């Protein structure tokens, strides 16, 4: 299947760029920019072309019936967003229970322009004690770029600025919707 996904990426005119993919069993993948539904497609295909499973978050009520079965099969993790459930705690627990987990999260939290990235991806990594893989979807080069394996220091303000700096020069599908805020 891996060869098929590589072929499909090529047919779509895309490629993946990384010197050597980090051999880390558990990580949060900070995948940006997120300005289009196509971002999921190219990001997911790139991971599949590497032969690595990647998980993503979805409302748990989507995981019902045949569609839910298929979504779980392709890596969906259901999140209960009702009541007093801490998503950070839920996902840190999921990391603790897993031998291998790569969890992709779009830090903007929306496809709209958002200079104030959501910090959930960061706090999940800190709480779970895992690194953050910075991956950029560059539509100018039609390339998914592995930018860095980032180890959070716990200084959220400083770390988020350092993370955002890595995405300078990455071109979104809809560039006017990608905003790194004040660096």
N, C-alpha and C. Protein backbone atom coordinates (compact mmCIF):
# COMPACT_ATOMS: atom_id res chain seq x y z
N UNK A 1 0.81 -1.20 0.00
CA UNK A 1 0.00 0.00 0.00
C UNK A 1 0.86 1.27 0.00
N UNK A 2 2.00 1.19 0.68
CA UNK A 2 2.89 2.35 0.78
C UNK A 2 3.28 2.86 -0.62
N UNK A 3 3.59 1.94 -1.52
CA UNK A 3 3.97 2.33 -2.89
C UNK A 3 2.80 3.01 -3.60
N UNK A 4 1.60 2.53 -3.35
CA UNK A 4 0.42 3.14 -3.95
C UNK A 4 0.27 4.59 -3.50
N UNK A 5 0.46 4.83 -2.20
CA UNK A 5 0.32 6.18 -1.67
C UNK A 5 1.41 7.11 -2.23
N UNK A 6 2.63 6.59 -2.36
CA UNK A 6 3.70 7.39 -2.98
C UNK A 6 3.33 7.74 -4.42
N UNK A 7 2.82 6.75 -5.14
CA UNK A 7 2.40 6.96 -6.51
C UNK A 7 1.29 8.00 -6.58
N UNK A 8 0.29 7.87 -5.71
CA UNK A 8 -0.84 8.79 -5.71
C UNK A 8 -0.40 10.23 -5.41
N UNK A 9 0.50 10.39 -4.45
CA UNK A 9 1.04 11.73 -4.16
C UNK A 9 1.70 12.30 -5.42
N UNK A 10 2.47 11.47 -6.11
CA UNK A 10 3.14 11.91 -7.33
C UNK A 10 2.16 12.29 -8.41
N UNK A 11 1.10 11.51 -8.58
CA UNK A 11 0.07 11.81 -9.57
C UNK A 11 -0.57 13.17 -9.26
N UNK A 12 -0.74 13.46 -7.98
CA UNK A 12 -1.31 14.74 -7.56
C UNK A 12 -0.30 15.88 -7.64
N UNK A 13 0.96 15.54 -7.99
CA UNK A 13 2.00 16.55 -8.13
C UNK A 13 2.69 16.90 -6.83
N UNK A 14 2.48 16.11 -5.79
CA UNK A 14 3.04 16.38 -4.48
C UNK A 14 4.19 15.44 -4.16
N UNK A 15 5.00 15.86 -3.18
CA UNK A 15 6.08 15.02 -2.67
C UNK A 15 6.27 15.33 -1.19
N UNK A 16 7.04 14.50 -0.54
CA UNK A 16 7.40 14.73 0.86
C UNK A 16 8.88 15.06 0.90
N UNK A 17 9.24 15.96 1.80
CA UNK A 17 10.64 16.36 1.92
C UNK A 17 11.06 16.26 3.38
N UNK A 18 12.02 15.39 3.62
CA UNK A 18 12.56 15.25 4.96
C UNK A 18 13.92 14.59 4.83
N UNK A 19 14.90 15.09 5.57
CA UNK A 19 16.24 14.50 5.49
C UNK A 19 16.21 13.04 5.96
N UNK A 20 15.66 12.83 7.12
CA UNK A 20 15.47 11.48 7.65
C UNK A 20 14.30 11.58 8.61
N UNK A 21 13.29 10.77 8.38
CA UNK A 21 12.11 10.86 9.23
C UNK A 21 12.46 10.38 10.63
N UNK A 22 12.13 11.15 11.66
CA UNK A 22 12.50 10.79 13.04
C UNK A 22 11.87 9.46 13.46
N UNK A 23 12.69 8.59 13.98
CA UNK A 23 12.20 7.30 14.46
C UNK A 23 11.83 7.44 15.93
N UNK A 24 10.69 8.06 16.15
CA UNK A 24 10.20 8.32 17.50
C UNK A 24 8.82 7.66 17.60
N UNK A 25 8.60 6.80 18.58
CA UNK A 25 7.33 6.07 18.63
C UNK A 25 6.12 6.92 19.00
N UNK A 26 6.34 7.99 19.76
CA UNK A 26 5.21 8.82 20.19
C UNK A 26 5.55 10.29 19.95
N UNK A 27 4.61 10.98 19.28
CA UNK A 27 4.81 12.40 19.03
C UNK A 27 3.49 13.06 18.68
N UNK A 28 3.45 14.36 18.92
CA UNK A 28 2.37 15.19 18.41
C UNK A 28 2.91 15.79 17.12
N UNK A 29 2.12 15.72 16.06
CA UNK A 29 2.51 16.31 14.78
C UNK A 29 1.77 17.63 14.62
N UNK A 30 2.52 18.72 14.62
CA UNK A 30 1.97 20.06 14.41
C UNK A 30 1.99 20.29 12.91
N UNK A 31 0.83 20.14 12.28
CA UNK A 31 0.71 20.21 10.83
C UNK A 31 0.05 21.53 10.43
N UNK A 32 0.81 22.38 9.75
CA UNK A 32 0.30 23.70 9.37
C UNK A 32 0.89 24.07 8.01
N UNK A 33 0.30 24.97 7.30
CA UNK A 33 -0.93 25.68 7.62
C UNK A 33 -2.18 24.83 7.34
N UNK A 34 -3.27 25.26 7.94
CA UNK A 34 -4.55 24.57 7.73
C UNK A 34 -5.56 25.61 7.25
N UNK A 35 -5.67 25.73 5.92
CA UNK A 35 -6.57 26.73 5.34
C UNK A 35 -7.60 26.08 4.41
N UNK A 36 -7.53 24.75 4.26
CA UNK A 36 -8.38 24.06 3.29
C UNK A 36 -8.58 22.61 3.75
N UNK A 37 -9.68 22.00 3.33
CA UNK A 37 -9.88 20.58 3.61
C UNK A 37 -8.85 19.71 2.90
N UNK A 38 -8.23 20.22 1.84
CA UNK A 38 -7.19 19.47 1.12
C UNK A 38 -5.97 19.23 2.00
N UNK A 39 -5.76 20.04 3.00
CA UNK A 39 -4.61 19.87 3.89
C UNK A 39 -4.61 18.49 4.53
N UNK A 40 -5.79 18.06 4.95
CA UNK A 40 -5.92 16.72 5.54
C UNK A 40 -5.51 15.65 4.53
N UNK A 41 -5.98 15.80 3.31
CA UNK A 41 -5.71 14.80 2.26
C UNK A 41 -4.21 14.67 2.02
N UNK A 42 -3.53 15.80 1.78
CA UNK A 42 -2.10 15.74 1.48
C UNK A 42 -1.27 15.30 2.69
N UNK A 43 -1.65 15.77 3.86
CA UNK A 43 -0.94 15.35 5.06
C UNK A 43 -1.09 13.87 5.32
N UNK A 44 -2.32 13.38 5.22
CA UNK A 44 -2.59 11.95 5.46
C UNK A 44 -1.91 11.08 4.41
N UNK A 45 -1.96 11.48 3.14
CA UNK A 45 -1.29 10.72 2.08
C UNK A 45 0.22 10.67 2.28
N UNK A 46 0.79 11.77 2.72
CA UNK A 46 2.24 11.80 2.94
C UNK A 46 2.66 10.83 4.04
N UNK A 47 1.89 10.79 5.10
CA UNK A 47 2.19 9.85 6.18
C UNK A 47 2.03 8.41 5.68
N UNK A 48 0.97 8.15 4.93
CA UNK A 48 0.73 6.81 4.40
C UNK A 48 1.86 6.40 3.45
N UNK A 49 2.39 7.35 2.68
CA UNK A 49 3.49 7.06 1.77
C UNK A 49 4.76 6.66 2.53
N UNK A 50 4.86 7.11 3.78
CA UNK A 50 5.98 6.71 4.63
C UNK A 50 5.74 5.36 5.28
N UNK A 51 4.52 4.86 5.19
CA UNK A 51 4.18 3.59 5.83
C UNK A 51 3.96 3.73 7.33
N UNK A 52 3.61 4.93 7.76
CA UNK A 52 3.42 5.21 9.19
C UNK A 52 1.97 5.60 9.42
N UNK A 53 1.38 5.05 10.46
CA UNK A 53 0.01 5.43 10.83
C UNK A 53 0.05 6.75 11.57
N UNK A 54 -0.89 7.61 11.24
CA UNK A 54 -1.03 8.88 11.94
C UNK A 54 -2.48 8.99 12.40
N UNK A 55 -2.65 9.47 13.59
CA UNK A 55 -4.00 9.65 14.13
C UNK A 55 -4.37 11.12 14.07
N UNK A 56 -5.66 11.37 14.15
CA UNK A 56 -6.18 12.73 14.13
C UNK A 56 -7.41 12.78 15.01
N UNK A 57 -7.80 13.98 15.41
CA UNK A 57 -8.92 14.16 16.32
C UNK A 57 -10.21 14.42 15.57
N UNK A 58 -11.29 13.92 16.15
CA UNK A 58 -12.62 14.11 15.58
C UNK A 58 -13.63 14.03 16.71
N UNK A 59 -14.74 14.72 16.57
CA UNK A 59 -15.80 14.62 17.58
C UNK A 59 -16.23 13.16 17.69
N UNK A 60 -16.37 12.67 18.92
CA UNK A 60 -16.68 11.25 19.10
C UNK A 60 -18.02 10.83 18.52
N UNK A 61 -18.94 11.76 18.32
CA UNK A 61 -20.23 11.36 17.74
C UNK A 61 -20.12 11.05 16.24
N UNK A 62 -18.98 11.34 15.63
CA UNK A 62 -18.75 10.94 14.24
C UNK A 62 -18.34 9.46 14.14
N UNK A 63 -18.00 8.85 15.27
CA UNK A 63 -17.45 7.49 15.25
C UNK A 63 -18.51 6.42 15.45
N UNK A 64 -19.70 6.68 14.93
CA UNK A 64 -20.82 5.74 15.06
C UNK A 64 -21.07 5.07 13.71
N UNK A 65 -21.39 3.79 13.75
CA UNK A 65 -21.77 3.06 12.54
C UNK A 65 -20.63 2.83 11.58
N UNK A 66 -20.96 2.53 10.32
CA UNK A 66 -19.94 2.20 9.32
C UNK A 66 -18.94 3.33 9.06
N UNK A 67 -19.42 4.58 9.05
CA UNK A 67 -18.51 5.70 8.84
C UNK A 67 -17.53 5.78 10.01
N UNK A 68 -18.03 5.58 11.21
CA UNK A 68 -17.18 5.58 12.40
C UNK A 68 -16.14 4.48 12.36
N UNK A 69 -16.54 3.30 11.91
CA UNK A 69 -15.60 2.18 11.79
C UNK A 69 -14.47 2.58 10.83
N UNK A 70 -14.84 3.15 9.68
CA UNK A 70 -13.84 3.53 8.69
C UNK A 70 -12.93 4.64 9.24
N UNK A 71 -13.51 5.63 9.91
CA UNK A 71 -12.70 6.72 10.46
C UNK A 71 -11.70 6.21 11.49
N UNK A 72 -12.13 5.30 12.36
CA UNK A 72 -11.21 4.70 13.33
C UNK A 72 -10.10 3.93 12.62
N UNK A 73 -10.47 3.25 11.55
CA UNK A 73 -9.52 2.47 10.77
C UNK A 73 -8.42 3.35 10.18
N UNK A 74 -8.76 4.57 9.79
CA UNK A 74 -7.76 5.48 9.20
C UNK A 74 -7.12 6.41 10.23
N UNK A 75 -7.39 6.18 11.52
CA UNK A 75 -6.65 6.89 12.56
C UNK A 75 -7.42 7.87 13.43
N UNK A 76 -8.73 7.95 13.25
CA UNK A 76 -9.50 8.91 14.04
C UNK A 76 -9.51 8.55 15.53
N UNK A 77 -9.36 9.56 16.35
CA UNK A 77 -9.49 9.42 17.80
C UNK A 77 -10.65 10.32 18.20
N UNK A 78 -11.68 9.72 18.78
CA UNK A 78 -12.85 10.47 19.19
C UNK A 78 -12.60 11.26 20.46
N UNK A 79 -13.06 12.49 20.45
CA UNK A 79 -12.92 13.36 21.61
C UNK A 79 -14.30 13.76 22.10
N UNK A 80 -14.53 13.55 23.39
CA UNK A 80 -15.77 13.95 24.02
C UNK A 80 -15.64 15.40 24.43
N UNK A 81 -16.39 16.28 23.75
CA UNK A 81 -16.28 17.71 24.01
C UNK A 81 -17.43 18.24 24.85
N UNK A 82 -18.19 17.34 25.46
CA UNK A 82 -19.28 17.77 26.33
C UNK A 82 -18.86 17.62 27.79
N UNK A 83 -19.51 18.34 28.65
CA UNK A 83 -19.23 18.20 30.08
C UNK A 83 -17.87 18.74 30.45
N UNK A 84 -17.30 18.16 31.48
CA UNK A 84 -16.04 18.63 32.04
C UNK A 84 -14.91 17.65 31.74
N UNK A 85 -14.74 17.32 30.47
CA UNK A 85 -13.68 16.41 30.06
C UNK A 85 -12.51 17.24 29.53
N UNK A 86 -11.35 17.05 30.09
CA UNK A 86 -10.16 17.75 29.61
C UNK A 86 -9.59 17.00 28.41
N UNK A 87 -9.59 17.66 27.25
CA UNK A 87 -9.05 17.02 26.06
C UNK A 87 -7.56 16.71 26.26
N UNK A 88 -6.85 17.61 26.91
CA UNK A 88 -5.42 17.38 27.16
C UNK A 88 -5.23 16.13 28.00
N UNK A 89 -6.03 15.97 29.05
CA UNK A 89 -5.94 14.77 29.89
C UNK A 89 -6.31 13.51 29.11
N UNK A 90 -7.38 13.59 28.31
CA UNK A 90 -7.80 12.43 27.52
C UNK A 90 -6.68 11.97 26.59
N UNK A 91 -6.03 12.93 25.94
CA UNK A 91 -5.00 12.57 24.97
C UNK A 91 -3.69 12.17 25.63
N UNK A 92 -3.35 12.77 26.75
CA UNK A 92 -2.16 12.34 27.49
C UNK A 92 -2.34 10.89 27.94
N UNK A 93 -3.56 10.55 28.35
CA UNK A 93 -3.87 9.17 28.73
C UNK A 93 -3.74 8.23 27.53
N UNK A 94 -4.22 8.67 26.38
CA UNK A 94 -4.11 7.87 25.15
C UNK A 94 -2.65 7.61 24.82
N UNK A 95 -1.79 8.63 24.97
CA UNK A 95 -0.36 8.43 24.75
C UNK A 95 0.21 7.42 25.74
N UNK A 96 -0.20 7.53 27.01
CA UNK A 96 0.30 6.61 28.04
C UNK A 96 -0.08 5.17 27.74
N UNK A 97 -1.26 4.97 27.16
CA UNK A 97 -1.75 3.62 26.87
C UNK A 97 -1.20 3.05 25.57
N UNK A 98 -0.55 3.87 24.76
CA UNK A 98 -0.12 3.44 23.43
C UNK A 98 1.38 3.17 23.38
N UNK A 99 1.76 2.15 22.63
CA UNK A 99 3.19 1.89 22.39
C UNK A 99 3.71 2.81 21.30
N UNK A 100 2.83 3.13 20.35
CA UNK A 100 3.19 3.99 19.23
C UNK A 100 1.99 4.88 18.91
N UNK A 101 2.22 6.19 18.87
CA UNK A 101 1.14 7.11 18.54
C UNK A 101 1.72 8.39 17.95
N UNK A 102 1.34 8.67 16.73
CA UNK A 102 1.64 9.94 16.08
C UNK A 102 0.29 10.63 15.92
N UNK A 103 0.11 11.75 16.59
CA UNK A 103 -1.17 12.46 16.60
C UNK A 103 -1.02 13.79 15.88
N UNK A 104 -1.67 13.93 14.72
CA UNK A 104 -1.59 15.16 13.93
C UNK A 104 -2.66 16.14 14.37
N UNK A 105 -2.23 17.37 14.60
CA UNK A 105 -3.13 18.43 15.03
C UNK A 105 -2.78 19.70 14.25
N UNK A 106 -3.81 20.36 13.72
CA UNK A 106 -3.63 21.66 13.07
C UNK A 106 -3.66 22.72 14.17
N UNK A 107 -2.56 23.42 14.40
CA UNK A 107 -2.50 24.34 15.54
C UNK A 107 -3.43 25.54 15.45
N UNK A 108 -3.83 25.90 14.23
CA UNK A 108 -4.74 27.04 14.11
C UNK A 108 -6.12 26.72 14.67
N UNK A 109 -6.48 25.44 14.66
CA UNK A 109 -7.78 25.02 15.19
C UNK A 109 -8.94 25.35 14.28
N UNK A 110 -8.67 25.89 13.11
CA UNK A 110 -9.72 26.31 12.18
C UNK A 110 -9.07 26.51 10.81
N UNK A 111 -9.91 26.57 9.77
CA UNK A 111 -9.39 26.89 8.44
C UNK A 111 -9.42 28.40 8.19
N UNK A 112 -9.94 29.14 9.15
CA UNK A 112 -9.99 30.60 9.03
C UNK A 112 -8.66 31.19 9.51
N UNK A 113 -8.44 32.43 9.17
CA UNK A 113 -7.24 33.14 9.62
C UNK A 113 -7.23 33.18 11.15
N UNK A 114 -6.13 32.75 11.75
CA UNK A 114 -6.03 32.74 13.21
C UNK A 114 -4.58 32.94 13.63
N UNK A 115 -4.19 34.18 13.95
CA UNK A 115 -2.81 34.42 14.39
C UNK A 115 -2.53 33.87 15.79
N UNK A 116 -3.59 33.62 16.56
CA UNK A 116 -3.45 33.10 17.92
C UNK A 116 -3.71 31.60 17.92
N UNK A 117 -2.67 30.85 17.59
CA UNK A 117 -2.81 29.40 17.50
C UNK A 117 -3.34 28.82 18.80
N UNK A 118 -4.12 27.77 18.66
CA UNK A 118 -4.59 27.03 19.82
C UNK A 118 -3.38 26.31 20.43
N UNK A 119 -3.31 26.27 21.72
CA UNK A 119 -2.14 25.71 22.40
C UNK A 119 -2.30 24.23 22.77
N UNK A 120 -3.46 23.64 22.43
CA UNK A 120 -3.71 22.26 22.81
C UNK A 120 -2.62 21.30 22.37
N UNK A 121 -2.15 21.42 21.12
CA UNK A 121 -1.12 20.51 20.63
C UNK A 121 0.12 20.58 21.51
N UNK A 122 0.45 21.78 21.96
CA UNK A 122 1.62 22.00 22.80
C UNK A 122 1.44 21.37 24.18
N UNK A 123 0.28 21.66 24.81
CA UNK A 123 0.05 21.15 26.16
C UNK A 123 -0.13 19.64 26.18
N UNK A 124 -0.67 19.08 25.11
CA UNK A 124 -0.78 17.62 25.01
C UNK A 124 0.62 17.02 25.01
N UNK A 125 1.52 17.59 24.19
CA UNK A 125 2.89 17.08 24.12
C UNK A 125 3.60 17.20 25.47
N UNK A 126 3.43 18.34 26.13
CA UNK A 126 4.07 18.54 27.44
C UNK A 126 3.54 17.54 28.45
N UNK A 127 2.21 17.41 28.53
CA UNK A 127 1.60 16.52 29.52
C UNK A 127 1.96 15.06 29.25
N UNK A 128 2.04 14.69 27.96
CA UNK A 128 2.36 13.30 27.59
C UNK A 128 3.86 13.04 27.59
N UNK A 129 4.67 14.10 27.65
CA UNK A 129 6.13 13.94 27.65
C UNK A 129 6.66 13.47 26.30
N UNK A 130 6.08 14.00 25.22
CA UNK A 130 6.49 13.59 23.87
C UNK A 130 6.93 14.82 23.08
N UNK A 131 7.76 14.62 22.05
CA UNK A 131 8.17 15.75 21.20
C UNK A 131 7.07 16.14 20.22
N UNK A 132 7.29 17.27 19.57
CA UNK A 132 6.37 17.79 18.56
C UNK A 132 7.08 17.79 17.22
N UNK A 133 6.53 17.07 16.26
CA UNK A 133 7.07 17.08 14.91
C UNK A 133 6.43 18.25 14.16
N UNK A 134 7.24 19.17 13.68
CA UNK A 134 6.73 20.31 12.93
C UNK A 134 6.73 19.95 11.45
N UNK A 135 5.54 19.94 10.85
CA UNK A 135 5.38 19.56 9.45
C UNK A 135 4.61 20.66 8.71
N UNK A 136 5.18 21.11 7.61
CA UNK A 136 4.58 22.18 6.84
C UNK A 136 4.01 21.71 5.52
N UNK A 137 2.80 22.14 5.22
CA UNK A 137 2.16 21.85 3.93
C UNK A 137 2.42 23.04 3.02
N UNK A 138 3.40 22.91 2.14
CA UNK A 138 3.81 24.02 1.29
C UNK A 138 3.20 23.87 -0.10
N UNK A 139 2.17 24.65 -0.36
CA UNK A 139 1.46 24.56 -1.64
C UNK A 139 2.27 25.17 -2.78
N UNK A 140 3.18 26.09 -2.48
CA UNK A 140 4.03 26.67 -3.52
C UNK A 140 4.91 25.58 -4.14
N UNK A 141 5.52 24.77 -3.29
CA UNK A 141 6.40 23.70 -3.75
C UNK A 141 5.68 22.36 -3.90
N UNK A 142 4.38 22.32 -3.54
CA UNK A 142 3.60 21.08 -3.52
C UNK A 142 4.37 19.99 -2.76
N UNK A 143 4.66 20.33 -1.53
CA UNK A 143 5.53 19.47 -0.74
C UNK A 143 5.12 19.49 0.73
N UNK A 144 5.12 18.33 1.35
CA UNK A 144 4.96 18.23 2.80
C UNK A 144 6.37 18.18 3.36
N UNK A 145 6.71 19.20 4.14
CA UNK A 145 8.07 19.35 4.64
C UNK A 145 8.15 19.06 6.13
N UNK A 146 9.06 18.17 6.49
CA UNK A 146 9.34 17.93 7.90
C UNK A 146 10.35 19.00 8.31
N UNK A 147 9.95 19.88 9.20
CA UNK A 147 10.76 21.05 9.54
C UNK A 147 11.70 20.80 10.72
N UNK A 148 11.20 20.10 11.73
CA UNK A 148 12.02 19.86 12.92
C UNK A 148 11.27 18.96 13.90
N UNK A 149 12.02 18.21 14.68
CA UNK A 149 11.45 17.51 15.83
C UNK A 149 11.75 18.40 17.03
N UNK A 150 10.70 18.99 17.58
CA UNK A 150 10.82 20.02 18.62
C UNK A 150 10.51 19.41 19.98
N UNK A 151 11.39 19.67 20.95
CA UNK A 151 11.17 19.19 22.31
C UNK A 151 10.74 20.38 23.18
N UNK A 152 9.48 20.39 23.63
CA UNK A 152 8.99 21.52 24.43
C UNK A 152 9.79 21.69 25.72
N UNK A 153 10.03 22.94 26.06
CA UNK A 153 10.78 23.25 27.28
C UNK A 153 9.87 23.47 28.47
N UNK A 154 8.58 23.72 28.19
CA UNK A 154 7.65 24.07 29.26
C UNK A 154 7.40 25.57 29.31
N UNK A 155 8.23 26.35 28.62
CA UNK A 155 8.02 27.79 28.50
C UNK A 155 7.16 28.00 27.26
N UNK A 156 5.85 27.95 27.44
CA UNK A 156 4.91 27.95 26.31
C UNK A 156 5.06 29.16 25.41
N UNK A 157 5.18 30.33 25.99
CA UNK A 157 5.26 31.55 25.18
C UNK A 157 6.50 31.55 24.28
N UNK A 158 7.63 31.22 24.85
CA UNK A 158 8.88 31.17 24.08
C UNK A 158 8.84 30.04 23.04
N UNK A 159 8.36 28.88 23.47
CA UNK A 159 8.31 27.72 22.57
C UNK A 159 7.39 27.96 21.38
N UNK A 160 6.23 28.56 21.60
CA UNK A 160 5.28 28.76 20.48
C UNK A 160 5.86 29.73 19.47
N UNK A 161 6.59 30.73 19.92
CA UNK A 161 7.25 31.65 18.99
C UNK A 161 8.31 30.91 18.17
N UNK A 162 9.08 30.06 18.82
CA UNK A 162 10.11 29.28 18.12
C UNK A 162 9.46 28.34 17.10
N UNK A 163 8.35 27.73 17.49
CA UNK A 163 7.63 26.82 16.59
C UNK A 163 7.10 27.59 15.39
N UNK A 164 6.45 28.72 15.62
CA UNK A 164 5.89 29.51 14.52
C UNK A 164 6.98 29.97 13.54
N UNK A 165 8.16 30.31 14.07
CA UNK A 165 9.26 30.76 13.20
C UNK A 165 9.63 29.69 12.17
N UNK A 166 9.47 28.45 12.52
CA UNK A 166 9.81 27.36 11.60
C UNK A 166 8.88 27.33 10.38
N UNK A 167 7.70 27.94 10.50
CA UNK A 167 6.72 27.92 9.41
C UNK A 167 6.82 29.15 8.50
N UNK A 168 7.74 30.06 8.80
CA UNK A 168 7.96 31.21 7.92
C UNK A 168 8.42 30.67 6.56
N UNK A 169 7.79 31.16 5.50
CA UNK A 169 8.15 30.72 4.15
C UNK A 169 7.32 29.56 3.63
N UNK A 170 6.48 28.98 4.47
CA UNK A 170 5.57 27.93 4.04
C UNK A 170 4.33 28.61 3.45
N UNK A 171 3.94 28.20 2.25
CA UNK A 171 2.81 28.83 1.57
C UNK A 171 1.56 27.97 1.69
N UNK A 172 0.52 28.54 2.26
CA UNK A 172 -0.77 27.85 2.45
C UNK A 172 -1.52 27.75 1.13
N UNK A 173 -2.47 26.85 1.06
CA UNK A 173 -3.34 26.76 -0.12
C UNK A 173 -4.06 28.09 -0.33
N UNK A 174 -4.55 28.67 0.76
CA UNK A 174 -5.19 29.99 0.71
C UNK A 174 -4.32 30.91 1.59
N UNK A 175 -3.29 31.51 0.99
CA UNK A 175 -2.28 32.25 1.77
C UNK A 175 -2.83 33.31 2.71
N UNK A 176 -3.88 34.01 2.31
CA UNK A 176 -4.39 35.09 3.16
C UNK A 176 -5.02 34.55 4.46
N UNK A 177 -5.25 33.25 4.55
CA UNK A 177 -5.81 32.68 5.77
C UNK A 177 -4.75 32.17 6.74
N UNK A 178 -3.47 32.19 6.32
CA UNK A 178 -2.39 31.70 7.20
C UNK A 178 -1.69 32.87 7.85
N UNK A 179 -1.72 32.92 9.18
CA UNK A 179 -1.19 34.04 9.92
C UNK A 179 -0.38 33.52 11.11
N UNK A 180 0.89 33.87 11.13
CA UNK A 180 1.76 33.44 12.22
C UNK A 180 1.74 34.40 13.41
N UNK A 181 1.00 35.50 13.26
CA UNK A 181 0.92 36.47 14.36
C UNK A 181 2.24 37.19 14.56
N UNK A 182 2.40 37.75 15.76
CA UNK A 182 3.63 38.47 16.09
C UNK A 182 4.72 37.48 16.49
N UNK A 183 5.81 37.53 15.77
CA UNK A 183 6.94 36.66 16.11
C UNK A 183 7.99 37.47 16.85
